[in-house]
Amino acid sequence: LCHEDIGDFDKNFIRVIKRLNNPNGARAKGEERVIPVPNELLRLYNDYLIYEYPEVESDYVFVNIWEGNIGASMNPKVLNTMFSRLTEKTGIKVYPHLFRHTYASRLLRAKYPIDRVKNLLGHASVQTTLDIYSHIISEADLSEVVNQEEEDNE
């Protein structure tokens, strides 16, 4: 994720772009998409830039700021180590993908349209989203979603 991918503070979005040359080895499998974000997250991002990031010259949002190659794009191993330490200290199992699952689960519990959730997550099909998150949706809601999907395909 690069700073240029963060929308203006009045627009509240992050742009997810598929990059073939991620220096940290991360991969984006889906198409480009725009993810809405709350004001509070943008405020925290701004605080991060002011208080944690001031000495770093980098286009990337997530970089090494304490050790190693300062300013280099943070690789997945470092990120996973940070989350493992957080789990050890708090006793709460947290991992990077948990945020994605929480986001999707909250959208689905709020009855956000499944096709929009699919798009926000970058899934290739509604079926992929249903396969992963169908336990969130009640049986009645699931029938409604499946029927709607069939109608959309006609």
N, C-alpha and C. Protein backbone atom coordinates (compact mmCIF):
# COMPACT_ATOMS: atom_id res chain seq x y z
N LEU A 1 0.85 -1.17 0.00
CA LEU A 1 0.00 0.00 0.00
C LEU A 1 0.90 1.24 0.00
N CYS A 2 0.67 2.13 -0.93
CA CYS A 2 1.45 3.37 -1.03
C CYS A 2 0.62 4.55 -0.54
N HIS A 3 1.31 5.59 -0.13
CA HIS A 3 0.61 6.80 0.33
C HIS A 3 -0.34 7.33 -0.73
N GLU A 4 0.04 7.22 -1.98
CA GLU A 4 -0.81 7.74 -3.06
C GLU A 4 -2.12 6.96 -3.18
N ASP A 5 -2.18 5.77 -2.56
CA ASP A 5 -3.39 4.95 -2.61
C ASP A 5 -4.43 5.38 -1.58
N ILE A 6 -4.01 6.22 -0.64
CA ILE A 6 -4.93 6.72 0.37
C ILE A 6 -5.63 7.93 -0.22
N GLY A 7 -6.95 7.91 -0.22
CA GLY A 7 -7.71 9.02 -0.80
C GLY A 7 -7.57 10.29 0.03
N ASP A 8 -8.05 11.36 -0.52
CA ASP A 8 -8.09 12.61 0.24
C ASP A 8 -8.90 12.38 1.50
N PHE A 9 -8.58 13.13 2.54
CA PHE A 9 -9.26 12.93 3.82
C PHE A 9 -10.76 13.19 3.73
N ASP A 10 -11.19 13.97 2.77
CA ASP A 10 -12.62 14.24 2.64
C ASP A 10 -13.32 13.19 1.78
N LYS A 11 -12.56 12.26 1.19
CA LYS A 11 -13.17 11.25 0.32
C LYS A 11 -13.27 9.88 0.98
N ASN A 12 -12.53 9.65 2.04
CA ASN A 12 -12.62 8.44 2.85
C ASN A 12 -12.50 7.13 2.07
N PHE A 13 -11.40 6.92 1.40
CA PHE A 13 -11.20 5.64 0.72
C PHE A 13 -9.72 5.29 0.64
N ILE A 14 -9.50 4.00 0.41
CA ILE A 14 -8.18 3.48 0.09
C ILE A 14 -8.32 2.76 -1.24
N ARG A 15 -7.40 2.99 -2.13
CA ARG A 15 -7.41 2.34 -3.44
C ARG A 15 -6.47 1.13 -3.37
N VAL A 16 -6.98 -0.04 -3.70
CA VAL A 16 -6.16 -1.25 -3.74
C VAL A 16 -5.80 -1.51 -5.19
N ILE A 17 -4.51 -1.48 -5.46
CA ILE A 17 -4.01 -1.61 -6.83
C ILE A 17 -3.16 -2.86 -6.94
N LYS A 18 -3.36 -3.60 -8.00
CA LYS A 18 -2.54 -4.79 -8.24
C LYS A 18 -1.17 -4.33 -8.73
N ARG A 19 -0.15 -4.71 -7.99
CA ARG A 19 1.22 -4.37 -8.38
C ARG A 19 1.98 -5.65 -8.63
N LEU A 20 2.66 -5.72 -9.73
CA LEU A 20 3.40 -6.93 -10.07
C LEU A 20 4.77 -6.97 -9.42
N ASN A 21 5.25 -5.83 -8.97
CA ASN A 21 6.62 -5.76 -8.46
C ASN A 21 6.68 -5.34 -7.00
N ASN A 22 5.83 -5.89 -6.16
CA ASN A 22 5.88 -5.53 -4.75
C ASN A 22 7.23 -5.95 -4.17
N PRO A 23 7.98 -5.01 -3.61
CA PRO A 23 9.31 -5.33 -3.12
C PRO A 23 9.29 -6.27 -1.92
N ASN A 24 8.16 -6.35 -1.21
CA ASN A 24 8.10 -7.21 -0.04
C ASN A 24 7.52 -8.59 -0.36
N GLY A 25 7.23 -8.85 -1.61
CA GLY A 25 6.71 -10.14 -2.01
C GLY A 25 5.21 -10.29 -1.85
N ALA A 26 4.54 -9.27 -1.34
CA ALA A 26 3.09 -9.34 -1.18
C ALA A 26 2.44 -9.40 -2.55
N ARG A 27 1.26 -9.98 -2.60
CA ARG A 27 0.60 -10.08 -3.90
C ARG A 27 -0.85 -9.66 -3.77
N ALA A 28 -1.32 -9.05 -4.81
CA ALA A 28 -2.74 -8.70 -4.92
C ALA A 28 -3.27 -9.52 -6.08
N LYS A 29 -4.24 -10.37 -5.78
CA LYS A 29 -4.72 -11.28 -6.82
C LYS A 29 -5.85 -10.69 -7.64
N GLY A 30 -6.64 -9.82 -7.04
CA GLY A 30 -7.83 -9.33 -7.71
C GLY A 30 -7.58 -8.08 -8.53
N GLU A 31 -8.66 -7.51 -8.98
CA GLU A 31 -8.61 -6.28 -9.76
C GLU A 31 -8.51 -5.08 -8.82
N GLU A 32 -8.20 -3.93 -9.39
CA GLU A 32 -8.16 -2.70 -8.60
C GLU A 32 -9.54 -2.44 -8.02
N ARG A 33 -9.56 -1.95 -6.78
CA ARG A 33 -10.83 -1.63 -6.15
C ARG A 33 -10.65 -0.50 -5.16
N VAL A 34 -11.75 0.10 -4.78
CA VAL A 34 -11.75 1.21 -3.83
C VAL A 34 -12.47 0.74 -2.58
N ILE A 35 -11.82 0.91 -1.43
CA ILE A 35 -12.37 0.47 -0.15
C ILE A 35 -12.71 1.71 0.69
N PRO A 36 -13.97 1.86 1.11
CA PRO A 36 -14.31 2.99 1.98
C PRO A 36 -13.72 2.78 3.37
N VAL A 37 -13.28 3.86 3.99
CA VAL A 37 -12.72 3.78 5.34
C VAL A 37 -13.32 4.88 6.21
N PRO A 38 -13.45 4.62 7.51
CA PRO A 38 -14.02 5.63 8.40
C PRO A 38 -13.04 6.78 8.68
N ASN A 39 -13.60 7.91 9.08
CA ASN A 39 -12.78 9.08 9.42
C ASN A 39 -11.73 8.75 10.47
N GLU A 40 -12.10 7.94 11.45
CA GLU A 40 -11.18 7.61 12.54
C GLU A 40 -9.93 6.92 12.02
N LEU A 41 -10.07 6.05 11.04
CA LEU A 41 -8.90 5.37 10.48
C LEU A 41 -7.99 6.37 9.77
N LEU A 42 -8.58 7.30 9.05
CA LEU A 42 -7.77 8.32 8.38
C LEU A 42 -7.08 9.23 9.40
N ARG A 43 -7.75 9.49 10.53
CA ARG A 43 -7.13 10.29 11.59
C ARG A 43 -5.93 9.54 12.17
N LEU A 44 -6.09 8.24 12.41
CA LEU A 44 -4.99 7.43 12.92
C LEU A 44 -3.83 7.37 11.93
N TYR A 45 -4.14 7.28 10.66
CA TYR A 45 -3.12 7.28 9.61
C TYR A 45 -2.35 8.61 9.65
N ASN A 46 -3.06 9.70 9.79
CA ASN A 46 -2.43 11.01 9.88
C ASN A 46 -1.52 11.09 11.10
N ASP A 47 -1.99 10.59 12.25
CA ASP A 47 -1.17 10.58 13.46
C ASP A 47 0.09 9.73 13.25
N TYR A 48 -0.07 8.61 12.59
CA TYR A 48 1.05 7.72 12.28
C TYR A 48 2.10 8.48 11.46
N LEU A 49 1.65 9.23 10.47
CA LEU A 49 2.58 9.99 9.64
C LEU A 49 3.32 11.05 10.44
N ILE A 50 2.62 11.67 11.38
CA ILE A 50 3.21 12.75 12.17
C ILE A 50 4.15 12.21 13.25
N TYR A 51 3.71 11.19 13.99
CA TYR A 51 4.45 10.76 15.18
C TYR A 51 5.36 9.56 14.99
N GLU A 52 5.07 8.69 14.06
CA GLU A 52 5.86 7.47 13.90
C GLU A 52 6.73 7.49 12.65
N TYR A 53 6.36 8.26 11.68
CA TYR A 53 6.91 8.15 10.34
C TYR A 53 7.74 9.36 9.90
N PRO A 54 7.95 10.37 10.75
CA PRO A 54 8.49 11.64 10.25
C PRO A 54 9.88 11.58 9.62
N GLU A 55 10.72 10.66 10.05
CA GLU A 55 12.09 10.61 9.55
C GLU A 55 12.25 9.70 8.34
N VAL A 56 11.19 9.06 7.93
CA VAL A 56 11.26 8.05 6.88
C VAL A 56 10.92 8.64 5.52
N GLU A 57 11.72 8.33 4.54
CA GLU A 57 11.44 8.72 3.16
C GLU A 57 11.04 7.47 2.39
N SER A 58 9.75 7.28 2.19
CA SER A 58 9.29 6.09 1.49
C SER A 58 7.91 6.35 0.91
N ASP A 59 7.62 5.70 -0.20
CA ASP A 59 6.30 5.78 -0.80
C ASP A 59 5.32 4.83 -0.13
N TYR A 60 5.84 3.87 0.64
CA TYR A 60 5.01 2.83 1.23
C TYR A 60 4.47 3.25 2.59
N VAL A 61 3.26 2.79 2.90
CA VAL A 61 2.63 3.09 4.19
C VAL A 61 3.24 2.23 5.28
N PHE A 62 3.37 0.93 5.03
CA PHE A 62 3.89 0.01 6.04
C PHE A 62 5.36 -0.27 5.77
N VAL A 63 6.20 0.34 6.60
CA VAL A 63 7.65 0.24 6.40
C VAL A 63 8.33 -0.08 7.73
N ASN A 64 9.59 -0.50 7.62
CA ASN A 64 10.40 -0.69 8.82
C ASN A 64 10.70 0.69 9.39
N ILE A 65 10.32 0.92 10.64
CA ILE A 65 10.60 2.23 11.24
C ILE A 65 11.46 2.12 12.50
N TRP A 66 11.71 0.90 13.00
CA TRP A 66 12.49 0.77 14.21
C TRP A 66 13.83 0.06 14.00
N GLU A 67 13.88 -0.88 13.09
CA GLU A 67 15.11 -1.66 12.91
C GLU A 67 15.22 -2.14 11.47
N GLY A 68 16.39 -2.70 11.15
CA GLY A 68 16.61 -3.20 9.79
C GLY A 68 16.77 -2.06 8.81
N ASN A 69 16.34 -2.27 7.61
CA ASN A 69 16.44 -1.27 6.55
C ASN A 69 15.30 -0.25 6.73
N ILE A 70 15.55 0.81 7.49
CA ILE A 70 14.54 1.82 7.80
C ILE A 70 13.99 2.42 6.51
N GLY A 71 12.67 2.43 6.41
CA GLY A 71 12.02 2.98 5.23
C GLY A 71 11.71 1.95 4.16
N ALA A 72 12.29 0.73 4.32
CA ALA A 72 11.99 -0.33 3.35
C ALA A 72 10.58 -0.85 3.58
N SER A 73 9.96 -1.31 2.53
CA SER A 73 8.63 -1.88 2.63
C SER A 73 8.64 -3.06 3.60
N MET A 74 7.68 -3.06 4.54
CA MET A 74 7.61 -4.12 5.53
C MET A 74 7.21 -5.43 4.84
N ASN A 75 7.95 -6.48 5.12
CA ASN A 75 7.60 -7.76 4.49
C ASN A 75 6.63 -8.54 5.37
N PRO A 76 5.92 -9.49 4.78
CA PRO A 76 4.91 -10.24 5.54
C PRO A 76 5.45 -10.94 6.78
N LYS A 77 6.69 -11.40 6.74
CA LYS A 77 7.27 -12.09 7.91
C LYS A 77 7.36 -11.14 9.10
N VAL A 78 7.80 -9.92 8.87
CA VAL A 78 7.90 -8.93 9.95
C VAL A 78 6.51 -8.62 10.51
N LEU A 79 5.55 -8.45 9.63
CA LEU A 79 4.18 -8.17 10.05
C LEU A 79 3.62 -9.32 10.89
N ASN A 80 3.83 -10.54 10.44
CA ASN A 80 3.35 -11.70 11.19
C ASN A 80 4.03 -11.80 12.55
N THR A 81 5.31 -11.47 12.62
CA THR A 81 6.02 -11.47 13.90
C THR A 81 5.42 -10.44 14.85
N MET A 82 5.09 -9.26 14.33
CA MET A 82 4.47 -8.22 15.16
C MET A 82 3.14 -8.71 15.73
N PHE A 83 2.34 -9.36 14.90
CA PHE A 83 1.05 -9.86 15.36
C PHE A 83 1.22 -11.01 16.36
N SER A 84 2.23 -11.85 16.17
CA SER A 84 2.50 -12.93 17.12
C SER A 84 2.87 -12.36 18.48
N ARG A 85 3.69 -11.33 18.50
CA ARG A 85 4.06 -10.68 19.77
C ARG A 85 2.83 -10.07 20.44
N LEU A 86 1.98 -9.46 19.64
CA LEU A 86 0.75 -8.87 20.18
C LEU A 86 -0.14 -9.96 20.79
N THR A 87 -0.23 -11.09 20.13
CA THR A 87 -1.01 -12.22 20.64
C THR A 87 -0.43 -12.70 21.97
N GLU A 88 0.89 -12.83 22.04
CA GLU A 88 1.55 -13.27 23.28
C GLU A 88 1.28 -12.30 24.42
N LYS A 89 1.36 -11.01 24.16
CA LYS A 89 1.19 -10.00 25.21
C LYS A 89 -0.25 -9.88 25.69
N THR A 90 -1.21 -10.05 24.77
CA THR A 90 -2.61 -9.83 25.12
C THR A 90 -3.38 -11.11 25.41
N GLY A 91 -2.88 -12.23 24.90
CA GLY A 91 -3.62 -13.47 25.04
C GLY A 91 -4.77 -13.57 24.05
N ILE A 92 -4.88 -12.62 23.15
CA ILE A 92 -5.93 -12.61 22.13
C ILE A 92 -5.28 -12.93 20.79
N LYS A 93 -5.79 -13.97 20.14
CA LYS A 93 -5.20 -14.36 18.85
C LYS A 93 -5.59 -13.33 17.79
N VAL A 94 -4.59 -12.62 17.31
CA VAL A 94 -4.80 -11.64 16.23
C VAL A 94 -3.81 -11.93 15.11
N TYR A 95 -4.24 -11.67 13.91
CA TYR A 95 -3.40 -11.89 12.73
C TYR A 95 -3.91 -10.94 11.66
N PRO A 96 -3.07 -10.58 10.70
CA PRO A 96 -3.47 -9.56 9.72
C PRO A 96 -4.79 -9.83 9.01
N HIS A 97 -5.03 -11.08 8.63
CA HIS A 97 -6.25 -11.40 7.87
C HIS A 97 -7.52 -11.26 8.73
N LEU A 98 -7.35 -11.22 10.05
CA LEU A 98 -8.49 -11.07 10.94
C LEU A 98 -9.26 -9.78 10.65
N PHE A 99 -8.55 -8.74 10.28
CA PHE A 99 -9.20 -7.46 9.96
C PHE A 99 -10.09 -7.59 8.73
N ARG A 100 -9.62 -8.31 7.75
CA ARG A 100 -10.41 -8.55 6.53
C ARG A 100 -11.67 -9.34 6.86
N HIS A 101 -11.51 -10.41 7.66
CA HIS A 101 -12.66 -11.23 8.03
C HIS A 101 -13.66 -10.45 8.88
N THR A 102 -13.16 -9.64 9.79
CA THR A 102 -14.04 -8.83 10.62
C THR A 102 -14.82 -7.84 9.78
N TYR A 103 -14.14 -7.20 8.86
CA TYR A 103 -14.78 -6.24 7.95
C TYR A 103 -15.91 -6.91 7.17
N ALA A 104 -15.61 -8.05 6.56
CA ALA A 104 -16.61 -8.77 5.77
C ALA A 104 -17.77 -9.23 6.65
N SER A 105 -17.46 -9.76 7.81
CA SER A 105 -18.50 -10.25 8.72
C SER A 105 -19.43 -9.13 9.16
N ARG A 106 -18.87 -7.99 9.48
CA ARG A 106 -19.71 -6.85 9.89
C ARG A 106 -20.60 -6.37 8.76
N LEU A 107 -20.06 -6.32 7.56
CA LEU A 107 -20.87 -5.92 6.41
C LEU A 107 -22.03 -6.89 6.20
N LEU A 108 -21.75 -8.17 6.27
CA LEU A 108 -22.79 -9.18 6.04
C LEU A 108 -23.83 -9.18 7.15
N ARG A 109 -23.39 -9.01 8.39
CA ARG A 109 -24.36 -8.95 9.50
C ARG A 109 -25.26 -7.72 9.38
N ALA A 110 -24.73 -6.67 8.77
CA ALA A 110 -25.53 -5.45 8.56
C ALA A 110 -26.37 -5.56 7.29
N LYS A 111 -26.38 -6.75 6.68
CA LYS A 111 -27.15 -7.04 5.47
C LYS A 111 -26.70 -6.21 4.26
N TYR A 112 -25.42 -5.90 4.23
CA TYR A 112 -24.85 -5.23 3.07
C TYR A 112 -24.95 -6.20 1.90
N PRO A 113 -25.29 -5.76 0.70
CA PRO A 113 -25.47 -6.68 -0.43
C PRO A 113 -24.23 -7.54 -0.71
N ILE A 114 -24.45 -8.82 -0.86
CA ILE A 114 -23.36 -9.78 -1.04
C ILE A 114 -22.49 -9.45 -2.25
N ASP A 115 -23.09 -8.94 -3.31
CA ASP A 115 -22.29 -8.62 -4.50
C ASP A 115 -21.35 -7.45 -4.21
N ARG A 116 -21.76 -6.54 -3.36
CA ARG A 116 -20.87 -5.42 -3.00
C ARG A 116 -19.76 -5.89 -2.06
N VAL A 117 -20.10 -6.80 -1.15
CA VAL A 117 -19.07 -7.37 -0.27
C VAL A 117 -18.04 -8.10 -1.13
N LYS A 118 -18.51 -8.86 -2.10
CA LYS A 118 -17.62 -9.56 -3.04
C LYS A 118 -16.65 -8.57 -3.69
N ASN A 119 -17.19 -7.45 -4.16
CA ASN A 119 -16.35 -6.45 -4.83
C ASN A 119 -15.35 -5.82 -3.88
N LEU A 120 -15.79 -5.49 -2.67
CA LEU A 120 -14.89 -4.87 -1.69
C LEU A 120 -13.74 -5.81 -1.31
N LEU A 121 -14.05 -7.10 -1.25
CA LEU A 121 -13.02 -8.08 -0.89
C LEU A 121 -12.15 -8.48 -2.08
N GLY A 122 -12.62 -8.15 -3.29
CA GLY A 122 -11.86 -8.50 -4.48
C GLY A 122 -12.02 -9.95 -4.89
N HIS A 123 -13.11 -10.59 -4.43
CA HIS A 123 -13.37 -11.97 -4.83
C HIS A 123 -13.80 -12.02 -6.29
N ALA A 124 -13.46 -13.10 -6.96
CA ALA A 124 -13.82 -13.27 -8.37
C ALA A 124 -15.31 -13.53 -8.55
N SER A 125 -15.94 -14.14 -7.54
CA SER A 125 -17.36 -14.46 -7.67
C SER A 125 -18.06 -14.37 -6.32
N VAL A 126 -19.38 -14.22 -6.37
CA VAL A 126 -20.19 -14.23 -5.15
C VAL A 126 -20.04 -15.58 -4.46
N GLN A 127 -19.89 -16.63 -5.24
CA GLN A 127 -19.77 -17.97 -4.65
C GLN A 127 -18.56 -18.07 -3.73
N THR A 128 -17.46 -17.45 -4.11
CA THR A 128 -16.27 -17.45 -3.25
C THR A 128 -16.59 -16.79 -1.92
N THR A 129 -17.27 -15.66 -1.96
CA THR A 129 -17.65 -14.95 -0.74
C THR A 129 -18.58 -15.82 0.10
N LEU A 130 -19.56 -16.44 -0.54
CA LEU A 130 -20.48 -17.32 0.18
C LEU A 130 -19.76 -18.52 0.79
N ASP A 131 -18.82 -19.10 0.06
CA ASP A 131 -18.08 -20.26 0.57
C ASP A 131 -17.34 -19.91 1.87
N ILE A 132 -16.81 -18.71 1.93
CA ILE A 132 -16.01 -18.31 3.09
C ILE A 132 -16.88 -17.78 4.23
N TYR A 133 -17.94 -17.04 3.90
CA TYR A 133 -18.70 -16.32 4.92
C TYR A 133 -20.14 -16.78 5.10
N SER A 134 -20.52 -17.90 4.52
CA SER A 134 -21.93 -18.31 4.62
C SER A 134 -22.36 -18.56 6.06
N HIS A 135 -21.41 -18.90 6.95
CA HIS A 135 -21.78 -19.12 8.35
C HIS A 135 -22.26 -17.84 9.03
N ILE A 136 -21.97 -16.70 8.43
CA ILE A 136 -22.40 -15.41 8.98
C ILE A 136 -23.86 -15.13 8.63
N ILE A 137 -24.26 -15.62 7.50
CA ILE A 137 -25.59 -15.30 6.98
C ILE A 137 -26.57 -16.38 7.42
N SER A 138 -27.73 -15.97 7.93
CA SER A 138 -28.74 -16.95 8.34
C SER A 138 -29.24 -17.71 7.12
N GLU A 139 -29.85 -18.86 7.36
CA GLU A 139 -30.35 -19.68 6.25
C GLU A 139 -31.34 -18.91 5.39
N ALA A 140 -32.22 -18.15 6.02
CA ALA A 140 -33.21 -17.38 5.25
C ALA A 140 -32.52 -16.34 4.38
N ASP A 141 -31.56 -15.66 4.97
CA ASP A 141 -30.83 -14.65 4.20
C ASP A 141 -30.03 -15.29 3.09
N LEU A 142 -29.46 -16.47 3.37
CA LEU A 142 -28.66 -17.17 2.37
C LEU A 142 -29.52 -17.56 1.18
N SER A 143 -30.73 -18.05 1.44
CA SER A 143 -31.65 -18.40 0.34
C SER A 143 -31.96 -17.17 -0.49
N GLU A 144 -32.18 -16.06 0.18
CA GLU A 144 -32.48 -14.81 -0.52
C GLU A 144 -31.31 -14.40 -1.41
N VAL A 145 -30.10 -14.53 -0.88
CA VAL A 145 -28.89 -14.16 -1.64
C VAL A 145 -28.73 -15.07 -2.85
N VAL A 146 -28.90 -16.37 -2.66
CA VAL A 146 -28.74 -17.32 -3.76
C VAL A 146 -29.79 -17.07 -4.83
N ASN A 147 -31.03 -16.83 -4.42
CA ASN A 147 -32.10 -16.55 -5.39
C ASN A 147 -31.82 -15.26 -6.14
N GLN A 148 -31.33 -14.24 -5.44
CA GLN A 148 -31.01 -12.97 -6.09
C GLN A 148 -29.89 -13.17 -7.11
N GLU A 149 -28.89 -13.97 -6.75
CA GLU A 149 -27.78 -14.25 -7.65
C GLU A 149 -28.29 -14.94 -8.92
N GLU A 150 -29.21 -15.89 -8.76
CA GLU A 150 -29.78 -16.59 -9.91
C GLU A 150 -30.55 -15.62 -10.80
N GLU A 151 -31.32 -14.70 -10.19
CA GLU A 151 -32.07 -13.71 -10.96
C GLU A 151 -31.12 -12.79 -11.72
N ASP A 152 -30.03 -12.40 -11.08
CA ASP A 152 -29.06 -11.51 -11.72
C ASP A 152 -28.40 -12.17 -12.93
N ASN A 153 -28.26 -13.49 -12.89
CA ASN A 153 -27.59 -14.22 -13.97
C ASN A 153 -28.51 -14.52 -15.14
N GLU A 154 -29.82 -14.29 -14.98
CA GLU A 154 -30.77 -14.59 -16.06
C GLU A 154 -30.79 -13.51 -17.10
